[in-house]
Amino acid sequence: MAKKELTINGGLREKLGKSYSQRLRESGYLPAVVYGPELKENLYISMNYNEFERIFKLYGKHHVFNLVVEKNNYKVVVKDYKIHPITRKLLHVDFYAIALKRPFITEVPVNYVGTPIGVKEGGSLYIFTRKLKILVAPEKLPDEITVDISNLKVGQYIIVRDLPRENYKILTYEGTTLVEVK
C-alpha cells in the first residue's frame, strides 16, 4: 500500500512547563515530544498548530510522518495526544520516532464492512473491538484492518484468531471477540 509522504516541521522548545506550553498554544503553536529507541534523549518541540491539525484530521494517528526538526529528519507516528475536554482543541502530541529497520508496536483501527445476514433477518450487531494492537514494520503499517462481516448469521461472531494474517503480527489476545450478531 503506497502512502503519501507527509512532512511536519517543528522547532526545539526553549523552555518546558505548563506556563510556557500555554504561551505556545496562545501563539498558534502546539507543544510536542519525540521519543524512540534510536534517540539518546527526548526532543521537546513545538509546531504550527493549524498545519498539524489539518494533517492530523486527514490522516489520523495511524500514518508515518516525516518530522523535520532543525535539519534533522525523523520518521514518526503519533503515539498519544491530549485534547482539551471543552474546546476539543489539541493540547499536546507525543511522537514515537520509529527505527526504520525494526518493527514497532502500535494500535490500528478496525473497519467493519458489509451488512450481516443475521441483521437482515432481524438480529442485532454488537461491535466489541474497534482497535487492534499489532507489531509491524514501518513500511507495512496499514491505515486500518478491514473485516468483512456480511456473512455473519444470528449467533455467529468473529474473534481475532479468525482474521487473515497480513504483513503484521496481531498482539491482541487471539480469543478477543471483535463482532457478534445476536
C-alpha atoms as a PDB file:
ATOM      1  CA  MET A   1       0.000   0.000   0.000  1.00  0.00           C
ATOM      2  CA  ALA A   2       1.637   3.251  -1.112  1.00  0.00           C
ATOM      3  CA  LYS A   3       1.232   6.041   1.346  1.00  0.00           C
ATOM      4  CA  LYS A   4       1.737   9.715   0.772  1.00  0.00           C
ATOM      5  CA  GLU A   5       4.901  11.124   2.362  1.00  0.00           C
ATOM      6  CA  LEU A   6       3.776  13.785   4.821  1.00  0.00           C
ATOM      7  CA  THR A   7       6.213  16.274   6.320  1.00  0.00           C
ATOM      8  CA  ILE A   8       5.693  18.176   9.553  1.00  0.00           C
ATOM      9  CA  ASN A   9       8.074  20.977  10.528  1.00  0.00           C
ATOM     10  CA  GLY A  10       8.932  21.610  14.147  1.00  0.00           C
ATOM     11  CA  GLY A  11      11.435  23.503  16.255  1.00  0.00           C
ATOM     12  CA  LEU A  12      13.048  22.754  19.592  1.00  0.00           C
ATOM     13  CA  ARG A  13      11.338  24.385  22.553  1.00  0.00           C
ATOM     14  CA  GLU A  14      13.367  26.886  24.547  1.00  0.00           C
ATOM     15  CA  LYS A  15      11.686  26.041  27.848  1.00  0.00           C
ATOM     16  CA  LEU A  16       9.438  23.401  29.389  1.00  0.00           C
ATOM     17  CA  GLY A  17       6.490  23.673  31.748  1.00  0.00           C
ATOM     18  CA  LYS A  18       2.794  24.477  31.838  1.00  0.00           C
ATOM     19  CA  SER A  19       3.008  28.242  31.534  1.00  0.00           C
ATOM     20  CA  TYR A  20       5.447  28.118  28.599  1.00  0.00           C
ATOM     21  CA  SER A  21       3.291  25.489  26.860  1.00  0.00           C
ATOM     22  CA  GLN A  22       0.220  27.689  27.369  1.00  0.00           C
ATOM     23  CA  ARG A  23       2.028  30.664  25.805  1.00  0.00           C
ATOM     24  CA  LEU A  24       2.983  28.471  22.837  1.00  0.00           C
ATOM     25  CA  ARG A  25      -0.663  27.492  22.320  1.00  0.00           C
ATOM     26  CA  GLU A  26      -1.777  31.127  22.534  1.00  0.00           C
ATOM     27  CA  SER A  27       0.813  31.973  19.848  1.00  0.00           C
ATOM     28  CA  GLY A  28      -0.561  29.318  17.481  1.00  0.00           C
ATOM     29  CA  TYR A  29       1.920  26.541  18.247  1.00  0.00           C
ATOM     30  CA  LEU A  30       1.418  23.035  19.564  1.00  0.00           C
ATOM     31  CA  PRO A  31       3.845  21.586  22.138  1.00  0.00           C
ATOM     32  CA  ALA A  32       5.048  18.044  21.462  1.00  0.00           C
ATOM     33  CA  VAL A  33       7.635  15.475  22.492  1.00  0.00           C
ATOM     34  CA  VAL A  34       9.556  12.995  20.344  1.00  0.00           C
ATOM     35  CA  TYR A  35      10.947   9.751  21.784  1.00  0.00           C
ATOM     36  CA  GLY A  36      12.057   6.412  20.448  1.00  0.00           C
ATOM     37  CA  PRO A  37      14.639   3.633  20.551  1.00  0.00           C
ATOM     38  CA  GLU A  38      17.265   5.443  18.482  1.00  0.00           C
ATOM     39  CA  LEU A  39      17.057   8.801  20.276  1.00  0.00           C
ATOM     40  CA  LYS A  40      19.505   9.367  23.116  1.00  0.00           C
ATOM     41  CA  GLU A  41      17.072  11.722  24.864  1.00  0.00           C
ATOM     42  CA  ASN A  42      13.580  13.062  24.294  1.00  0.00           C
ATOM     43  CA  LEU A  43      13.144  16.039  21.962  1.00  0.00           C
ATOM     44  CA  TYR A  44      10.757  18.706  23.212  1.00  0.00           C
ATOM     45  CA  ILE A  45       9.426  20.558  20.201  1.00  0.00           C
ATOM     46  CA  SER A  46       6.665  22.874  19.029  1.00  0.00           C
ATOM     47  CA  MET A  47       4.989  23.064  15.633  1.00  0.00           C
ATOM     48  CA  ASN A  48       2.410  25.176  13.839  1.00  0.00           C
ATOM     49  CA  TYR A  49      -0.969  24.214  15.325  1.00  0.00           C
ATOM     50  CA  ASN A  50      -3.066  24.758  12.169  1.00  0.00           C
ATOM     51  CA  GLU A  51      -0.636  22.875   9.917  1.00  0.00           C
ATOM     52  CA  PHE A  52      -0.545  19.856  12.214  1.00  0.00           C
ATOM     53  CA  GLU A  53      -4.315  19.847  12.893  1.00  0.00           C
ATOM     54  CA  ARG A  54      -5.094  19.872   9.162  1.00  0.00           C
ATOM     55  CA  ILE A  55      -2.815  16.869   8.524  1.00  0.00           C
ATOM     56  CA  PHE A  56      -3.982  15.064  11.683  1.00  0.00           C
ATOM     57  CA  LYS A  57      -7.668  15.377  10.719  1.00  0.00           C
ATOM     58  CA  LEU A  58      -6.966  13.950   7.264  1.00  0.00           C
ATOM     59  CA  TYR A  59      -4.643  11.087   8.185  1.00  0.00           C
ATOM     60  CA  GLY A  60      -5.128  10.462  11.913  1.00  0.00           C
ATOM     61  CA  LYS A  61      -2.578   8.808  14.133  1.00  0.00           C
ATOM     62  CA  HIS A  62      -2.037   5.694  12.010  1.00  0.00           C
ATOM     63  CA  HIS A  63       0.309   7.177   9.466  1.00  0.00           C
ATOM     64  CA  VAL A  64       4.086   7.529   9.299  1.00  0.00           C
ATOM     65  CA  PHE A  65       5.098  11.194   9.156  1.00  0.00           C
ATOM     66  CA  ASN A  66       8.424  12.770   8.272  1.00  0.00           C
ATOM     67  CA  LEU A  67       9.223  15.196  11.117  1.00  0.00           C
ATOM     68  CA  VAL A  68      11.837  17.858  10.391  1.00  0.00           C
ATOM     69  CA  VAL A  69      13.414  19.436  13.482  1.00  0.00           C
ATOM     70  CA  GLU A  70      16.320  21.808  12.837  1.00  0.00           C
ATOM     71  CA  LYS A  71      17.693  19.989   9.752  1.00  0.00           C
ATOM     72  CA  ASN A  72      17.207  16.533  11.319  1.00  0.00           C
ATOM     73  CA  ASN A  73      14.621  14.166   9.847  1.00  0.00           C
ATOM     74  CA  TYR A  74      12.725  11.615  11.917  1.00  0.00           C
ATOM     75  CA  LYS A  75      10.148   9.055  10.790  1.00  0.00           C
ATOM     76  CA  VAL A  76       7.431   9.270  13.442  1.00  0.00           C
ATOM     77  CA  VAL A  77       3.942   8.093  14.288  1.00  0.00           C
ATOM     78  CA  VAL A  78       1.567   9.805  16.701  1.00  0.00           C
ATOM     79  CA  LYS A  79       1.732   7.675  19.840  1.00  0.00           C
ATOM     80  CA  ASP A  80      -0.590   9.766  22.012  1.00  0.00           C
ATOM     81  CA  TYR A  81      -2.267  13.153  22.137  1.00  0.00           C
ATOM     82  CA  LYS A  82      -4.171  15.253  24.632  1.00  0.00           C
ATOM     83  CA  ILE A  83      -7.358  17.163  23.783  1.00  0.00           C
ATOM     84  CA  HIS A  84      -8.966  19.934  25.839  1.00  0.00           C
ATOM     85  CA  PRO A  85     -12.192  18.489  27.341  1.00  0.00           C
ATOM     86  CA  ILE A  86     -14.335  21.506  26.465  1.00  0.00           C
ATOM     87  CA  THR A  87     -12.839  23.204  23.388  1.00  0.00           C
ATOM     88  CA  ARG A  88     -11.735  19.852  21.842  1.00  0.00           C
ATOM     89  CA  LYS A  89      -8.507  21.505  20.657  1.00  0.00           C
ATOM     90  CA  LEU A  90      -5.242  19.600  20.690  1.00  0.00           C
ATOM     91  CA  LEU A  91      -3.102  20.399  23.728  1.00  0.00           C
ATOM     92  CA  HIS A  92      -0.074  18.152  23.264  1.00  0.00           C
ATOM     93  CA  VAL A  93       1.229  15.416  20.960  1.00  0.00           C
ATOM     94  CA  ASP A  94       3.622  12.526  21.646  1.00  0.00           C
ATOM     95  CA  PHE A  95       5.557  11.304  18.612  1.00  0.00           C
ATOM     96  CA  TYR A  96       7.300   7.931  18.526  1.00  0.00           C
ATOM     97  CA  ALA A  97      10.436   8.026  16.356  1.00  0.00           C
ATOM     98  CA  ILE A  98      10.495   4.655  14.671  1.00  0.00           C
ATOM     99  CA  ALA A  99      13.638   2.752  13.807  1.00  0.00           C
ATOM    100  CA  LEU A 100      13.366   2.071  10.085  1.00  0.00           C
ATOM    101  CA  LYS A 101      14.866  -1.405  10.311  1.00  0.00           C
ATOM    102  CA  ARG A 102      12.868  -2.520  13.351  1.00  0.00           C
ATOM    103  CA  PRO A 103       9.185  -3.440  13.731  1.00  0.00           C
ATOM    104  CA  PHE A 104       7.249  -1.467  16.334  1.00  0.00           C
ATOM    105  CA  ILE A 105       4.018  -1.882  18.308  1.00  0.00           C
ATOM    106  CA  THR A 106       1.020   0.312  17.593  1.00  0.00           C
ATOM    107  CA  GLU A 107      -2.785   0.239  17.554  1.00  0.00           C
ATOM    108  CA  VAL A 108      -4.736   0.287  14.294  1.00  0.00           C
ATOM    109  CA  PRO A 109      -8.494   0.835  13.875  1.00  0.00           C
ATOM    110  CA  VAL A 110     -10.747  -1.981  12.670  1.00  0.00           C
ATOM    111  CA  ASN A 111     -13.124  -1.167   9.801  1.00  0.00           C
ATOM    112  CA  TYR A 112     -16.149  -3.467   9.556  1.00  0.00           C
ATOM    113  CA  VAL A 113     -17.645  -3.712   6.060  1.00  0.00           C
ATOM    114  CA  GLY A 114     -20.900  -5.228   4.872  1.00  0.00           C
ATOM    115  CA  THR A 115     -24.291  -5.838   6.448  1.00  0.00           C
ATOM    116  CA  PRO A 116     -24.533  -9.206   8.199  1.00  0.00           C
ATOM    117  CA  ILE A 117     -27.146 -11.705   7.001  1.00  0.00           C
ATOM    118  CA  GLY A 118     -28.286 -12.048  10.618  1.00  0.00           C
ATOM    119  CA  VAL A 119     -29.072  -8.322  10.845  1.00  0.00           C
ATOM    120  CA  LYS A 120     -31.191  -8.528   7.684  1.00  0.00           C
ATOM    121  CA  GLU A 121     -33.085 -11.393   9.354  1.00  0.00           C
ATOM    122  CA  GLY A 122     -33.829  -9.283  12.443  1.00  0.00           C
ATOM    123  CA  GLY A 123     -30.734  -9.797  14.605  1.00  0.00           C
ATOM    124  CA  SER A 124     -28.611  -7.089  16.217  1.00  0.00           C
ATOM    125  CA  LEU A 125     -24.960  -6.310  15.538  1.00  0.00           C
ATOM    126  CA  TYR A 126     -22.634  -5.862  18.524  1.00  0.00           C
ATOM    127  CA  ILE A 127     -19.164  -4.419  17.936  1.00  0.00           C
ATOM    128  CA  PHE A 128     -16.780  -5.104  20.825  1.00  0.00           C
ATOM    129  CA  THR A 129     -13.375  -4.176  19.411  1.00  0.00           C
ATOM    130  CA  ARG A 130     -12.549  -1.035  17.461  1.00  0.00           C
ATOM    131  CA  LYS A 131      -8.713  -1.197  17.609  1.00  0.00           C
ATOM    132  CA  LEU A 132      -6.124  -3.965  17.447  1.00  0.00           C
ATOM    133  CA  LYS A 133      -2.581  -3.890  18.771  1.00  0.00           C
ATOM    134  CA  ILE A 134      -0.101  -5.023  16.118  1.00  0.00           C
ATOM    135  CA  LEU A 135       3.642  -5.490  15.608  1.00  0.00           C
ATOM    136  CA  VAL A 136       4.534  -4.110  12.180  1.00  0.00           C
ATOM    137  CA  ALA A 137       7.445  -2.898  10.076  1.00  0.00           C
ATOM    138  CA  PRO A 138       7.198   0.872   9.417  1.00  0.00           C
ATOM    139  CA  GLU A 139       6.730   0.481   5.666  1.00  0.00           C
ATOM    140  CA  LYS A 140       3.894  -2.057   6.129  1.00  0.00           C
ATOM    141  CA  LEU A 141       1.800  -0.038   8.622  1.00  0.00           C
ATOM    142  CA  PRO A 142      -1.858  -0.295   7.485  1.00  0.00           C
ATOM    143  CA  ASP A 143      -4.260   2.635   7.838  1.00  0.00           C
ATOM    144  CA  GLU A 144      -6.871   0.184   9.120  1.00  0.00           C
ATOM    145  CA  ILE A 145      -7.685  -3.512   9.321  1.00  0.00           C
ATOM    146  CA  THR A 146     -10.759  -4.314   7.227  1.00  0.00           C
ATOM    147  CA  VAL A 147     -13.072  -7.105   8.392  1.00  0.00           C
ATOM    148  CA  ASP A 148     -15.918  -8.353   6.168  1.00  0.00           C
ATOM    149  CA  ILE A 149     -18.946  -9.142   8.349  1.00  0.00           C
ATOM    150  CA  SER A 150     -21.518  -9.682   5.589  1.00  0.00           C
ATOM    151  CA  ASN A 151     -21.689 -13.494   6.044  1.00  0.00           C
ATOM    152  CA  LEU A 152     -22.436 -13.454   9.787  1.00  0.00           C
ATOM    153  CA  LYS A 153     -25.725 -15.100  10.773  1.00  0.00           C
ATOM    154  CA  VAL A 154     -27.559 -14.806  14.092  1.00  0.00           C
ATOM    155  CA  GLY A 155     -25.433 -16.425  16.811  1.00  0.00           C
ATOM    156  CA  GLN A 156     -22.166 -16.086  14.888  1.00  0.00           C
ATOM    157  CA  TYR A 157     -19.163 -13.967  15.795  1.00  0.00           C
ATOM    158  CA  ILE A 158     -15.636 -13.146  14.683  1.00  0.00           C
ATOM    159  CA  ILE A 159     -12.654 -13.333  17.020  1.00  0.00           C
ATOM    160  CA  VAL A 160      -9.058 -12.211  16.466  1.00  0.00           C
ATOM    161  CA  ARG A 161      -7.995 -15.791  15.665  1.00  0.00           C
ATOM    162  CA  ASP A 162     -10.341 -15.737  12.617  1.00  0.00           C
ATOM    163  CA  LEU A 163      -8.589 -12.796  10.940  1.00  0.00           C
ATOM    164  CA  PRO A 164      -6.324 -13.472   7.962  1.00  0.00           C
ATOM    165  CA  ARG A 165      -2.619 -12.909   8.625  1.00  0.00           C
ATOM    166  CA  GLU A 166      -1.178  -9.986   6.749  1.00  0.00           C
ATOM    167  CA  ASN A 167       2.199  -8.207   6.850  1.00  0.00           C
ATOM    168  CA  TYR A 168       1.909  -7.690  10.597  1.00  0.00           C
ATOM    169  CA  LYS A 169       1.516  -9.723  13.764  1.00  0.00           C
ATOM    170  CA  ILE A 170      -1.631  -9.139  15.819  1.00  0.00           C
ATOM    171  CA  LEU A 171      -0.742  -8.836  19.502  1.00  0.00           C
ATOM    172  CA  THR A 172      -4.310  -8.508  20.803  1.00  0.00           C
ATOM    173  CA  TYR A 173      -5.334 -11.745  22.566  1.00  0.00           C
ATOM    174  CA  GLU A 174      -6.492 -14.200  19.889  1.00  0.00           C
ATOM    175  CA  GLY A 175      -9.691 -15.046  21.779  1.00  0.00           C
ATOM    176  CA  THR A 176     -10.906 -11.428  21.808  1.00  0.00           C
ATOM    177  CA  THR A 177     -14.343 -11.059  20.223  1.00  0.00           C
ATOM    178  CA  LEU A 178     -14.448  -8.414  17.514  1.00  0.00           C
ATOM    179  CA  VAL A 179     -18.094  -8.510  16.487  1.00  0.00           C
ATOM    180  CA  GLU A 180     -21.180 -10.646  17.104  1.00  0.00           C
ATOM    181  CA  VAL A 181     -24.710 -10.930  15.720  1.00  0.00           C
ATOM    182  CA  LYS A 182     -27.381 -11.811  18.285  1.00  0.00           C
END
